[in-house]
């Protein structure tokens, strides 16, 4: 989540739209209130991280 927020230039709204969740959900992960993502969110996090990370390697 931290990597994706960095790539979104800290915009929780932009990241929430990319992941298909609410801004509040992203803020809760950022604050550490939520630690285990639901199945669909986990899949979206993996997909977005791979799409952002792999081109750099």
C-alpha atoms as a PDB file:
ATOM      1  CA  UNK A   1       0.000   0.000   0.000  1.00  0.00           C
ATOM      2  CA  UNK A   2       2.813   2.389   0.871  1.00  0.00           C
ATOM      3  CA  UNK A   3       4.484   1.818  -2.518  1.00  0.00           C
ATOM      4  CA  UNK A   4       1.242   2.437  -4.403  1.00  0.00           C
ATOM      5  CA  UNK A   5       0.541   5.586  -2.396  1.00  0.00           C
ATOM      6  CA  UNK A   6       4.000   6.847  -3.284  1.00  0.00           C
ATOM      7  CA  UNK A   7       3.340   6.158  -6.957  1.00  0.00           C
ATOM      8  CA  UNK A   8      -0.021   7.972  -6.672  1.00  0.00           C
ATOM      9  CA  UNK A   9       1.864  10.947  -5.184  1.00  0.00           C
ATOM     10  CA  UNK A  10       0.111  10.481  -1.839  1.00  0.00           C
ATOM     11  CA  UNK A  11      -3.381  10.845  -3.272  1.00  0.00           C
ATOM     12  CA  UNK A  12      -5.701   8.459  -1.457  1.00  0.00           C
ATOM     13  CA  UNK A  13      -8.494   9.359  -3.868  1.00  0.00           C
ATOM     14  CA  UNK A  14      -6.488   8.396  -6.954  1.00  0.00           C
ATOM     15  CA  UNK A  15      -5.321   5.146  -5.384  1.00  0.00           C
ATOM     16  CA  UNK A  16      -8.826   4.284  -4.188  1.00  0.00           C
ATOM     17  CA  UNK A  17     -10.159   4.720  -7.720  1.00  0.00           C
ATOM     18  CA  UNK A  18      -7.417   2.475  -9.134  1.00  0.00           C
ATOM     19  CA  UNK A  19      -8.126  -0.228  -6.557  1.00  0.00           C
ATOM     20  CA  UNK A  20     -11.902   0.067  -6.709  1.00  0.00           C
ATOM     21  CA  UNK A  21     -12.340   0.869  -3.005  1.00  0.00           C
ATOM     22  CA  UNK A  22     -13.339   3.922  -0.992  1.00  0.00           C
ATOM     23  CA  UNK A  23     -10.910   6.625   0.077  1.00  0.00           C
ATOM     24  CA  UNK A  24     -11.682   5.715   3.680  1.00  0.00           C
ATOM     25  CA  UNK A  25     -10.454   2.145   3.108  1.00  0.00           C
ATOM     26  CA  UNK A  26      -7.131   3.421   1.788  1.00  0.00           C
ATOM     27  CA  UNK A  27      -6.859   5.813   4.737  1.00  0.00           C
ATOM     28  CA  UNK A  28      -7.502   2.978   7.200  1.00  0.00           C
ATOM     29  CA  UNK A  29      -4.695   0.894   5.687  1.00  0.00           C
ATOM     30  CA  UNK A  30      -2.420   3.919   5.729  1.00  0.00           C
ATOM     31  CA  UNK A  31      -3.191   4.523   9.421  1.00  0.00           C
ATOM     32  CA  UNK A  32      -2.710   0.835  10.276  1.00  0.00           C
ATOM     33  CA  UNK A  33      -6.304   0.273  11.402  1.00  0.00           C
ATOM     34  CA  UNK A  34      -6.798  -2.405   8.745  1.00  0.00           C
ATOM     35  CA  UNK A  35      -3.992  -4.870   8.239  1.00  0.00           C
ATOM     36  CA  UNK A  36      -5.489  -7.765   6.266  1.00  0.00           C
ATOM     37  CA  UNK A  37      -7.154  -6.906   2.942  1.00  0.00           C
ATOM     38  CA  UNK A  38     -10.277  -8.643   1.738  1.00  0.00           C
ATOM     39  CA  UNK A  39      -9.890 -11.082  -1.155  1.00  0.00           C
ATOM     40  CA  UNK A  40     -10.816  -8.655  -3.965  1.00  0.00           C
ATOM     41  CA  UNK A  41      -8.743  -5.826  -2.517  1.00  0.00           C
ATOM     42  CA  UNK A  42      -5.782  -8.164  -2.091  1.00  0.00           C
ATOM     43  CA  UNK A  43      -6.008  -9.163  -5.756  1.00  0.00           C
ATOM     44  CA  UNK A  44      -6.186  -5.500  -6.808  1.00  0.00           C
ATOM     45  CA  UNK A  45      -3.177  -4.627  -4.632  1.00  0.00           C
ATOM     46  CA  UNK A  46      -1.123  -7.452  -6.135  1.00  0.00           C
ATOM     47  CA  UNK A  47      -2.106  -6.534  -9.694  1.00  0.00           C
ATOM     48  CA  UNK A  48      -1.387  -2.821  -9.280  1.00  0.00           C
ATOM     49  CA  UNK A  49       1.903  -3.448  -7.479  1.00  0.00           C
ATOM     50  CA  UNK A  50       3.085  -5.809 -10.199  1.00  0.00           C
ATOM     51  CA  UNK A  51       2.084  -3.386 -12.948  1.00  0.00           C
ATOM     52  CA  UNK A  52       3.997  -0.554 -11.254  1.00  0.00           C
ATOM     53  CA  UNK A  53       6.967  -2.510  -9.919  1.00  0.00           C
ATOM     54  CA  UNK A  54       7.898  -4.940 -12.684  1.00  0.00           C
ATOM     55  CA  UNK A  55       8.666  -2.331 -15.356  1.00  0.00           C
ATOM     56  CA  UNK A  56      11.303  -0.824 -13.043  1.00  0.00           C
ATOM     57  CA  UNK A  57      13.204  -4.059 -12.471  1.00  0.00           C
END
